[in-house]
C-alpha atoms as a PDB file:
ATOM      1  CA  MET A   1      21.078   7.886 -23.087  1.00  0.00           C
ATOM      2  CA  ALA A   2      20.148  11.362 -21.955  1.00  0.00           C
ATOM      3  CA  LEU A   3      16.451  11.855 -21.297  1.00  0.00           C
ATOM      4  CA  GLY A   4      16.444  15.443 -20.145  1.00  0.00           C
ATOM      5  CA  VAL A   5      17.306  14.663 -16.500  1.00  0.00           C
ATOM      6  CA  THR A   6      20.352  15.541 -14.466  1.00  0.00           C
ATOM      7  CA  ALA A   7      22.630  12.823 -13.146  1.00  0.00           C
ATOM      8  CA  GLY A   8      23.230  12.742  -9.400  1.00  0.00           C
ATOM      9  CA  CYS A   9      26.443  12.133  -7.520  1.00  0.00           C
ATOM     10  CA  ASN A  10      26.627   8.410  -8.327  1.00  0.00           C
ATOM     11  CA  GLU A  11      25.273   8.633 -11.876  1.00  0.00           C
ATOM     12  CA  GLU A  12      27.152   8.648 -15.158  1.00  0.00           C
ATOM     13  CA  ARG A  13      26.288   9.386 -18.756  1.00  0.00           C
ATOM     14  CA  ALA A  14      26.018   6.248 -20.852  1.00  0.00           C
ATOM     15  CA  THR A  15      26.611   5.826 -24.568  1.00  0.00           C
ATOM     16  CA  PRO A  16      23.318   6.198 -26.464  1.00  0.00           C
ATOM     17  CA  ILE A  17      21.852   3.026 -27.926  1.00  0.00           C
ATOM     18  CA  ALA A  18      21.186   3.252 -31.641  1.00  0.00           C
ATOM     19  CA  PRO A  19      17.659   2.688 -32.914  1.00  0.00           C
ATOM     20  CA  THR A  20      16.848  -0.756 -34.215  1.00  0.00           C
ATOM     21  CA  ALA A  21      14.877  -1.536 -37.316  1.00  0.00           C
ATOM     22  CA  THR A  22      12.661  -4.097 -35.655  1.00  0.00           C
ATOM     23  CA  ALA A  23      10.689  -2.062 -33.449  1.00  0.00           C
ATOM     24  CA  ALA A  24       8.225   0.243 -34.996  1.00  0.00           C
ATOM     25  CA  ASN A  25       5.418  -2.231 -34.371  1.00  0.00           C
ATOM     26  CA  ARG A  26       6.523  -3.515 -30.963  1.00  0.00           C
ATOM     27  CA  ARG A  27       4.033  -2.537 -28.270  1.00  0.00           C
ATOM     28  CA  VAL A  28       4.749  -2.673 -24.547  1.00  0.00           C
ATOM     29  CA  LEU A  29       2.051  -2.425 -21.871  1.00  0.00           C
ATOM     30  CA  VAL A  30       3.503  -0.600 -18.846  1.00  0.00           C
ATOM     31  CA  VAL A  31       1.549  -1.419 -15.692  1.00  0.00           C
ATOM     32  CA  THR A  32       1.882   0.998 -12.758  1.00  0.00           C
ATOM     33  CA  HIS A  33      -1.331   0.252 -10.859  1.00  0.00           C
ATOM     34  CA  THR A  34      -0.708  -0.447  -7.160  1.00  0.00           C
ATOM     35  CA  THR A  35      -2.798  -1.791  -4.312  1.00  0.00           C
ATOM     36  CA  GLY A  36      -0.073  -1.549  -1.664  1.00  0.00           C
ATOM     37  CA  PHE A  37       2.790   0.893  -1.170  1.00  0.00           C
ATOM     38  CA  ARG A  38       3.041   3.368  -4.046  1.00  0.00           C
ATOM     39  CA  HIS A  39       6.533   4.526  -5.002  1.00  0.00           C
ATOM     40  CA  SER A  40       7.092   8.213  -5.628  1.00  0.00           C
ATOM     41  CA  SER A  41       9.334   7.202  -8.555  1.00  0.00           C
ATOM     42  CA  ILE A  42       6.462   5.706 -10.583  1.00  0.00           C
ATOM     43  CA  SER A  43       5.702   8.765 -12.696  1.00  0.00           C
ATOM     44  CA  LEU A  44       9.382   9.118 -13.537  1.00  0.00           C
ATOM     45  CA  ALA A  45       9.610   5.397 -14.332  1.00  0.00           C
ATOM     46  CA  GLU A  46       6.714   5.792 -16.775  1.00  0.00           C
ATOM     47  CA  SER A  47       8.428   8.714 -18.483  1.00  0.00           C
ATOM     48  CA  VAL A  48      11.795   6.964 -18.696  1.00  0.00           C
ATOM     49  CA  ILE A  49      10.389   3.716 -20.093  1.00  0.00           C
ATOM     50  CA  GLU A  50       8.338   5.586 -22.685  1.00  0.00           C
ATOM     51  CA  GLN A  51      11.229   7.801 -23.767  1.00  0.00           C
ATOM     52  CA  LEU A  52      13.665   4.880 -23.931  1.00  0.00           C
ATOM     53  CA  GLY A  53      11.342   3.141 -26.363  1.00  0.00           C
ATOM     54  CA  ARG A  54      10.913   6.265 -28.464  1.00  0.00           C
ATOM     55  CA  SER A  55      14.592   7.264 -28.489  1.00  0.00           C
ATOM     56  CA  SER A  56      15.866   3.787 -29.339  1.00  0.00           C
ATOM     57  CA  GLY A  57      13.028   2.885 -31.691  1.00  0.00           C
ATOM     58  CA  ALA A  58      12.642  -0.375 -29.785  1.00  0.00           C
ATOM     59  CA  TYR A  59       8.945  -0.134 -28.868  1.00  0.00           C
ATOM     60  CA  SER A  60       5.939   2.071 -28.241  1.00  0.00           C
ATOM     61  CA  VAL A  61       4.097   2.202 -24.918  1.00  0.00           C
ATOM     62  CA  VAL A  62       0.545   1.752 -23.667  1.00  0.00           C
ATOM     63  CA  PHE A  63      -0.058   2.614 -19.998  1.00  0.00           C
ATOM     64  CA  CYS A  64      -2.121   0.620 -17.502  1.00  0.00           C
ATOM     65  CA  ARG A  65      -2.515   2.866 -14.451  1.00  0.00           C
ATOM     66  CA  THR A  66      -5.804   2.097 -12.723  1.00  0.00           C
ATOM     67  CA  ALA A  67      -7.946  -0.822 -11.613  1.00  0.00           C
ATOM     68  CA  ALA A  68     -10.237  -0.115 -14.550  1.00  0.00           C
ATOM     69  CA  ASP A  69      -7.234  -0.211 -16.910  1.00  0.00           C
ATOM     70  CA  VAL A  70      -6.188  -3.579 -15.457  1.00  0.00           C
ATOM     71  CA  ALA A  71      -9.674  -5.013 -15.961  1.00  0.00           C
ATOM     72  CA  ARG A  72      -9.710  -3.799 -19.562  1.00  0.00           C
ATOM     73  CA  LEU A  73      -6.115  -4.267 -20.720  1.00  0.00           C
ATOM     74  CA  LEU A  74      -4.783  -7.329 -18.872  1.00  0.00           C
ATOM     75  CA  THR A  75      -7.207  -9.602 -20.691  1.00  0.00           C
ATOM     76  CA  PRO A  76      -6.914 -11.691 -23.863  1.00  0.00           C
ATOM     77  CA  ALA A  77      -8.572  -8.929 -25.878  1.00  0.00           C
ATOM     78  CA  GLY A  78      -6.511  -6.160 -24.285  1.00  0.00           C
ATOM     79  CA  LEU A  79      -3.270  -8.043 -24.853  1.00  0.00           C
ATOM     80  CA  GLY A  80      -4.099  -8.877 -28.448  1.00  0.00           C
ATOM     81  CA  ASP A  81      -1.603  -6.416 -29.969  1.00  0.00           C
ATOM     82  CA  ILE A  82       0.859  -6.320 -27.044  1.00  0.00           C
ATOM     83  CA  ASP A  83       4.322  -7.902 -27.305  1.00  0.00           C
ATOM     84  CA  ALA A  84       5.496  -7.496 -23.700  1.00  0.00           C
ATOM     85  CA  VAL A  85       4.195  -6.327 -20.330  1.00  0.00           C
ATOM     86  CA  VAL A  86       6.250  -4.333 -17.821  1.00  0.00           C
ATOM     87  CA  PHE A  87       5.319  -4.232 -14.130  1.00  0.00           C
ATOM     88  CA  ALA A  88       6.970  -0.935 -13.146  1.00  0.00           C
ATOM     89  CA  ASN A  89       7.012  -0.726  -9.344  1.00  0.00           C
ATOM     90  CA  THR A  90       3.634  -2.412  -8.997  1.00  0.00           C
ATOM     91  CA  THR A  91       2.531  -3.716  -5.587  1.00  0.00           C
ATOM     92  CA  GLY A  92      -0.149  -6.002  -4.206  1.00  0.00           C
ATOM     93  CA  ASN A  93      -2.907  -7.925  -5.935  1.00  0.00           C
ATOM     94  CA  LEU A  94      -3.538  -5.969  -9.121  1.00  0.00           C
ATOM     95  CA  GLY A  95      -6.931  -7.505  -9.819  1.00  0.00           C
ATOM     96  CA  ILE A  96      -6.024  -9.131 -13.139  1.00  0.00           C
ATOM     97  CA  PRO A  97      -9.290 -10.799 -14.172  1.00  0.00           C
ATOM     98  CA  ASP A  98      -7.579 -14.116 -15.025  1.00  0.00           C
ATOM     99  CA  LEU A  99      -4.095 -14.266 -13.531  1.00  0.00           C
ATOM    100  CA  GLN A 100      -3.420 -17.760 -14.858  1.00  0.00           C
ATOM    101  CA  GLY A 101      -4.553 -16.627 -18.283  1.00  0.00           C
ATOM    102  CA  PHE A 102      -2.025 -13.775 -18.125  1.00  0.00           C
ATOM    103  CA  LEU A 103       0.770 -16.152 -17.096  1.00  0.00           C
ATOM    104  CA  ASP A 104      -0.226 -18.451 -19.969  1.00  0.00           C
ATOM    105  CA  TRP A 105      -0.054 -15.453 -22.329  1.00  0.00           C
ATOM    106  CA  VAL A 106       3.587 -14.922 -21.309  1.00  0.00           C
ATOM    107  CA  ALA A 107       4.293 -18.647 -21.668  1.00  0.00           C
ATOM    108  CA  ALA A 108       2.863 -18.608 -25.180  1.00  0.00           C
ATOM    109  CA  GLY A 109       5.824 -16.522 -26.353  1.00  0.00           C
ATOM    110  CA  HIS A 110       5.437 -12.978 -25.039  1.00  0.00           C
ATOM    111  CA  GLY A 111       7.708 -10.849 -22.872  1.00  0.00           C
ATOM    112  CA  PHE A 112       7.529  -9.810 -19.238  1.00  0.00           C
ATOM    113  CA  ALA A 113       9.765  -7.329 -17.423  1.00  0.00           C
ATOM    114  CA  GLY A 114       9.518  -6.540 -13.728  1.00  0.00           C
ATOM    115  CA  MET A 115      11.031  -3.485 -12.041  1.00  0.00           C
ATOM    116  CA  HIS A 116      11.806  -3.323  -8.317  1.00  0.00           C
ATOM    117  CA  SER A 117       8.524  -3.927  -6.455  1.00  0.00           C
ATOM    118  CA  ALA A 118       7.193  -6.208  -9.155  1.00  0.00           C
ATOM    119  CA  ALA A 119       8.567  -8.639  -6.540  1.00  0.00           C
ATOM    120  CA  ASP A 120       6.125  -7.126  -4.022  1.00  0.00           C
ATOM    121  CA  THR A 121       3.224  -7.968  -6.338  1.00  0.00           C
ATOM    122  CA  TYR A 122       0.999 -11.071  -6.042  1.00  0.00           C
ATOM    123  CA  ARG A 123       3.111 -12.388  -3.181  1.00  0.00           C
ATOM    124  CA  ASP A 124       0.191 -14.678  -2.322  1.00  0.00           C
ATOM    125  CA  ALA A 125       0.223 -16.245  -5.814  1.00  0.00           C
ATOM    126  CA  PRO A 126       2.879 -18.983  -6.186  1.00  0.00           C
ATOM    127  CA  THR A 127       2.270 -19.144  -9.929  1.00  0.00           C
ATOM    128  CA  TYR A 128       3.202 -15.475 -10.357  1.00  0.00           C
ATOM    129  CA  LEU A 129       6.259 -15.864  -8.134  1.00  0.00           C
ATOM    130  CA  ALA A 130       7.325 -18.819 -10.277  1.00  0.00           C
ATOM    131  CA  LEU A 131       7.074 -16.592 -13.352  1.00  0.00           C
ATOM    132  CA  LEU A 132       9.114 -13.888 -11.639  1.00  0.00           C
ATOM    133  CA  GLY A 133      11.768 -16.215 -10.256  1.00  0.00           C
ATOM    134  CA  ASN A 134      11.885 -15.321  -6.545  1.00  0.00           C
ATOM    135  CA  GLU A 135       9.924 -13.851  -3.641  1.00  0.00           C
ATOM    136  CA  LEU A 136      10.592 -10.619  -1.755  1.00  0.00           C
ATOM    137  CA  VAL A 137      10.967 -11.084   1.993  1.00  0.00           C
ATOM    138  CA  THR A 138      12.074  -7.692   3.336  1.00  0.00           C
ATOM    139  CA  HIS A 139      14.373  -4.719   2.914  1.00  0.00           C
ATOM    140  CA  GLY A 140      16.195  -2.290   5.154  1.00  0.00           C
ATOM    141  CA  ASP A 141      17.232   1.320   4.754  1.00  0.00           C
ATOM    142  CA  GLN A 142      18.574   2.523   1.436  1.00  0.00           C
ATOM    143  CA  ALA A 143      22.219   1.591   1.060  1.00  0.00           C
ATOM    144  CA  GLU A 144      25.060   1.688  -1.437  1.00  0.00           C
ATOM    145  CA  VAL A 145      26.228  -1.599  -2.939  1.00  0.00           C
ATOM    146  CA  ASN A 146      28.746  -2.753  -5.516  1.00  0.00           C
ATOM    147  CA  ALA A 147      26.711  -4.943  -7.840  1.00  0.00           C
ATOM    148  CA  ARG A 148      28.800  -7.502  -9.677  1.00  0.00           C
ATOM    149  CA  VAL A 149      28.014  -8.371 -13.285  1.00  0.00           C
ATOM    150  CA  GLU A 150      27.230 -12.056 -13.725  1.00  0.00           C
ATOM    151  CA  ASN A 151      26.758 -12.142 -17.519  1.00  0.00           C
ATOM    152  CA  ALA A 152      28.880  -9.571 -19.303  1.00  0.00           C
ATOM    153  CA  THR A 153      27.335 -10.234 -22.729  1.00  0.00           C
ATOM    154  CA  HIS A 154      23.686  -9.634 -21.837  1.00  0.00           C
ATOM    155  CA  PRO A 155      22.333  -6.311 -23.182  1.00  0.00           C
ATOM    156  CA  ALA A 156      20.907  -5.375 -19.774  1.00  0.00           C
ATOM    157  CA  VAL A 157      24.334  -5.325 -18.113  1.00  0.00           C
ATOM    158  CA  ALA A 158      27.058  -5.337 -20.794  1.00  0.00           C
ATOM    159  CA  HIS A 159      27.550  -1.569 -20.400  1.00  0.00           C
ATOM    160  CA  PHE A 160      28.353  -1.905 -16.685  1.00  0.00           C
ATOM    161  CA  GLY A 161      31.756  -3.427 -17.345  1.00  0.00           C
ATOM    162  CA  GLY A 162      32.977  -5.034 -14.141  1.00  0.00           C
ATOM    163  CA  GLY A 163      30.234  -3.736 -11.874  1.00  0.00           C
ATOM    164  CA  TYR A 164      27.678  -1.101 -10.923  1.00  0.00           C
ATOM    165  CA  ARG A 165      27.877   0.951  -7.737  1.00  0.00           C
ATOM    166  CA  VAL A 166      24.427   2.179  -6.825  1.00  0.00           C
ATOM    167  CA  LEU A 167      22.551   3.647  -3.871  1.00  0.00           C
ATOM    168  CA  ASP A 168      19.073   2.139  -3.665  1.00  0.00           C
ATOM    169  CA  GLU A 169      16.684   0.065  -1.580  1.00  0.00           C
ATOM    170  CA  ILE A 170      18.165  -3.444  -1.652  1.00  0.00           C
ATOM    171  CA  TYR A 171      15.754  -6.350  -1.392  1.00  0.00           C
ATOM    172  CA  ARG A 172      16.238  -9.579   0.510  1.00  0.00           C
ATOM    173  CA  PHE A 173      14.658 -12.477  -1.314  1.00  0.00           C
ATOM    174  CA  ALA A 174      13.431 -15.841  -0.107  1.00  0.00           C
ATOM    175  CA  GLN A 175      16.415 -17.612  -1.599  1.00  0.00           C
ATOM    176  CA  SER A 176      19.489 -17.392  -3.724  1.00  0.00           C
ATOM    177  CA  ASN A 177      17.946 -18.349  -7.054  1.00  0.00           C
ATOM    178  CA  ARG A 178      21.258 -18.875  -8.813  1.00  0.00           C
ATOM    179  CA  ALA A 179      20.291 -22.449  -9.750  1.00  0.00           C
ATOM    180  CA  SER A 180      16.912 -21.565 -11.289  1.00  0.00           C
ATOM    181  CA  VAL A 181      17.474 -18.294 -13.204  1.00  0.00           C
ATOM    182  CA  ASN A 182      20.263 -16.621 -15.158  1.00  0.00           C
ATOM    183  CA  LEU A 183      21.700 -13.994 -12.840  1.00  0.00           C
ATOM    184  CA  LEU A 184      22.695 -10.635 -14.262  1.00  0.00           C
ATOM    185  CA  LEU A 185      23.595  -8.677 -11.106  1.00  0.00           C
ATOM    186  CA  SER A 186      24.268  -9.793  -7.550  1.00  0.00           C
ATOM    187  CA  VAL A 187      26.066  -8.688  -4.408  1.00  0.00           C
ATOM    188  CA  ASP A 188      28.261 -10.904  -2.259  1.00  0.00           C
ATOM    189  CA  ARG A 189      27.702  -9.037   0.989  1.00  0.00           C
ATOM    190  CA  ALA A 190      24.512  -7.792   2.616  1.00  0.00           C
ATOM    191  CA  PRO A 191      24.286  -3.985   2.484  1.00  0.00           C
ATOM    192  CA  LEU A 192      24.711  -1.776   5.526  1.00  0.00           C
ATOM    193  CA  ASP A 193      20.986  -1.136   5.751  1.00  0.00           C
ATOM    194  CA  GLY A 194      20.155  -1.834   9.393  1.00  0.00           C
ATOM    195  CA  LEU A 195      18.940  -5.424   8.999  1.00  0.00           C
ATOM    196  CA  PRO A 196      20.372  -8.187  11.204  1.00  0.00           C
ATOM    197  CA  ASP A 197      22.567  -9.554   8.407  1.00  0.00           C
ATOM    198  CA  ALA A 198      23.954  -6.142   7.388  1.00  0.00           C
ATOM    199  CA  GLY A 199      27.543  -6.382   6.235  1.00  0.00           C
ATOM    200  CA  GLN A 200      27.666 -10.163   6.320  1.00  0.00           C
ATOM    201  CA  PRO A 201      28.853 -12.265   3.364  1.00  0.00           C
ATOM    202  CA  GLY A 202      26.051 -13.689   1.255  1.00  0.00           C
ATOM    203  CA  ASP A 203      24.711 -14.281  -2.234  1.00  0.00           C
ATOM    204  CA  LEU A 204      22.021 -11.695  -2.913  1.00  0.00           C
ATOM    205  CA  PRO A 205      20.428 -11.582  -6.372  1.00  0.00           C
ATOM    206  CA  LEU A 206      19.684  -8.158  -7.861  1.00  0.00           C
ATOM    207  CA  ALA A 207      18.722  -8.838 -11.487  1.00  0.00           C
ATOM    208  CA  TRP A 208      18.136 -11.881 -13.661  1.00  0.00           C
ATOM    209  CA  PHE A 209      16.520 -13.289 -16.778  1.00  0.00           C
ATOM    210  CA  LYS A 210      14.723 -16.549 -17.454  1.00  0.00           C
ATOM    211  CA  THR A 211      12.228 -18.202 -19.715  1.00  0.00           C
ATOM    212  CA  HIS A 212       8.618 -19.022 -18.917  1.00  0.00           C
ATOM    213  CA  GLY A 213       7.465 -21.546 -21.458  1.00  0.00           C
ATOM    214  CA  ALA A 214       8.180 -19.849 -24.770  1.00  0.00           C
ATOM    215  CA  GLY A 215       8.135 -16.414 -23.107  1.00  0.00           C
ATOM    216  CA  ARG A 216      11.017 -14.297 -21.818  1.00  0.00           C
ATOM    217  CA  VAL A 217      11.208 -12.783 -18.328  1.00  0.00           C
ATOM    218  CA  PHE A 218      13.566 -10.027 -17.130  1.00  0.00           C
ATOM    219  CA  TYR A 219      13.613  -8.673 -13.579  1.00  0.00           C
ATOM    220  CA  THR A 220      15.661  -6.041 -11.765  1.00  0.00           C
ATOM    221  CA  ALA A 221      15.315  -5.372  -8.045  1.00  0.00           C
ATOM    222  CA  LEU A 222      16.669  -1.851  -8.493  1.00  0.00           C
ATOM    223  CA  GLY A 223      14.562   1.235  -9.162  1.00  0.00           C
ATOM    224  CA  HIS A 224      13.174   2.440  -5.819  1.00  0.00           C
ATOM    225  CA  ARG A 225      14.703   5.908  -5.978  1.00  0.00           C
ATOM    226  CA  GLU A 226      14.063   8.677  -8.496  1.00  0.00           C
ATOM    227  CA  GLU A 227      17.819   9.196  -8.721  1.00  0.00           C
ATOM    228  CA  VAL A 228      18.263   5.622  -9.904  1.00  0.00           C
ATOM    229  CA  TRP A 229      15.720   6.122 -12.694  1.00  0.00           C
ATOM    230  CA  GLN A 230      17.611   9.297 -13.664  1.00  0.00           C
ATOM    231  CA  ASP A 231      20.895   7.385 -13.956  1.00  0.00           C
ATOM    232  CA  THR A 232      21.607   6.718 -17.629  1.00  0.00           C
ATOM    233  CA  ARG A 233      23.398   3.480 -16.708  1.00  0.00           C
ATOM    234  CA  PHE A 234      20.204   2.204 -15.074  1.00  0.00           C
ATOM    235  CA  GLN A 235      18.196   3.405 -18.051  1.00  0.00           C
ATOM    236  CA  GLN A 236      20.352   1.245 -20.327  1.00  0.00           C
ATOM    237  CA  HIS A 237      19.835  -1.642 -17.892  1.00  0.00           C
ATOM    238  CA  VAL A 238      16.065  -1.263 -18.221  1.00  0.00           C
ATOM    239  CA  LEU A 239      16.145  -0.830 -21.991  1.00  0.00           C
ATOM    240  CA  GLY A 240      18.424  -3.825 -22.459  1.00  0.00           C
ATOM    241  CA  GLY A 241      16.124  -5.981 -20.346  1.00  0.00           C
ATOM    242  CA  ILE A 242      12.960  -4.898 -22.182  1.00  0.00           C
ATOM    243  CA  ARG A 243      14.612  -5.367 -25.557  1.00  0.00           C
ATOM    244  CA  TRP A 244      15.693  -8.861 -24.580  1.00  0.00           C
ATOM    245  CA  ALA A 245      12.164  -9.703 -23.377  1.00  0.00           C
ATOM    246  CA  LEU A 246      10.812  -8.553 -26.752  1.00  0.00           C
ATOM    247  CA  GLU A 247      13.101 -10.804 -28.796  1.00  0.00           C
ATOM    248  CA  ARG A 248      11.580 -13.748 -30.626  1.00  0.00           C
END
């Protein structure tokens, strides 16, 4: 899906996704407030997520960009007409007035999608990490990896075919969560990123989906670099994950 950006050396054009009839009334709250490191790709992420919803007809977007927005929108009243929440490269403790109430909102049958540093958000809150499905530990330099597709039928990865070669910041998580989530992308060797385990065999998760009560959770560890957000294959990955999180 072309969104008026130019693909880089490792990007390809993907087949556009046709609009769906369900979505005119689907509303997605995109949270980009940060209290830690702030990614330079956030403004582009906002634009891509909004345009993907508009172009596909899958959803419309409301933005949550500041502490004041969080206090107003991530509340029962603010979430009253929202179908899913996206944490797009958020970091730190966002100041959600009632974090458990938000997690319960997801569990009641709503959607949640986390992009990249959503795993660097509320790292001191085990209940949030349980929603997400893993905990970020560290990362090294940006590196190129061959991500293998673990579930070829899922809309977030079906377009990748056998795999996805991407240059990005690759996270190391607390554990291989293969037994507790449904993996979508993984790598079987640590990237050459300067960390002690670089190049060694392993089982590193990159993207997954899961349920949280009656709610649906999608997460991708990719999305640090602007060039990744410009890649139409990654855009389809994001759109497929959000669409899945919106399903009821």
